[in-house]
Amino acid sequence: EVQLVESGGGLVQAGGSLRLSCAASGFALHKYTLGWFRQAPGKEREGVSCISLSDGCSGSSTNYSDSVKGRFTISSDNAKNTAYLQMNSLKPEDTAVYSCAAVYWGLGDWTRAGAYDYWGQGTQVTVSS
């Protein structure tokens, strides 16, 4: 069974850090394009970051939205079949449910949520001011 499970969310003060994990089972994550998305109440889902060993993130191995570039870092551990999102210098506007998603193919537009086949259940990140 293909499954993605996120963990690591929580409540943190502005300026703090969190590391989210996305554990994959049922498939080899390193063969897929993996995206992190977030959705805040009343807002559209937003692509946050992407990682792909085959440059499947719009032609790059990693990619970030402008809103998190320089603060968030995406990585993966093939041995653990897990991807990570290190989030530093968190801001209240980063508050959202964060979800990871995977697709076998490389993507021309990694931010398009509809392109991903598998999704985790999400983890809540709340940043207090």
Foldseek 3Di string as FASTA:
>chain_A
DWAWAKDWADEEAAQAKIKMKIFIPPDQQQLKKKWKWWDDPPDDIWTAKIAHPVCLALNHRMDGDPVQPPFWDWDADRVRSMIMIIGGSDDQVVWTWMKMFIDNGRHNHNTDPVRTDHIHPTDTHGYHD
